[in-house]
Amino acid sequence: MSNLDKLFCHVDDWTRKFELLWQEKLLSNGVARRLRSKSLCLSEIMTILIAFHQNSYRNFKHLYLNHVQQYWRLAFPKLPSYPFFVTFRKEE
């Protein structure tokens, strides 16, 4: 099992528990909101962000374009382009 797999397993376990608790605690203002599905789940997004902090890259864009998209494409089959991924980060 690679380091990426280990990291993803830990993050996925944590986000599953977190999302359940988070949904329970959300306050509603009475307006129905759509829960849009993203091409990446929260645990995949978090794994990429944590991997950025664990690597020696100073710039997230450089990591994403030169490492994630080139070497981790098989690990993240629905990997979006960099500009689209950045919109995920703003929504979270």
Foldseek 3Di string as FASTA:
>chain_A
DDPLVVQLVVLVVVVVVVVVVVVVPDDDPPDDDDDDDDLDDPSVLVSLVVVVVVDPDPDSLCCCVPPCVPPVCVVRVSDDDPVVSVVVVVVD
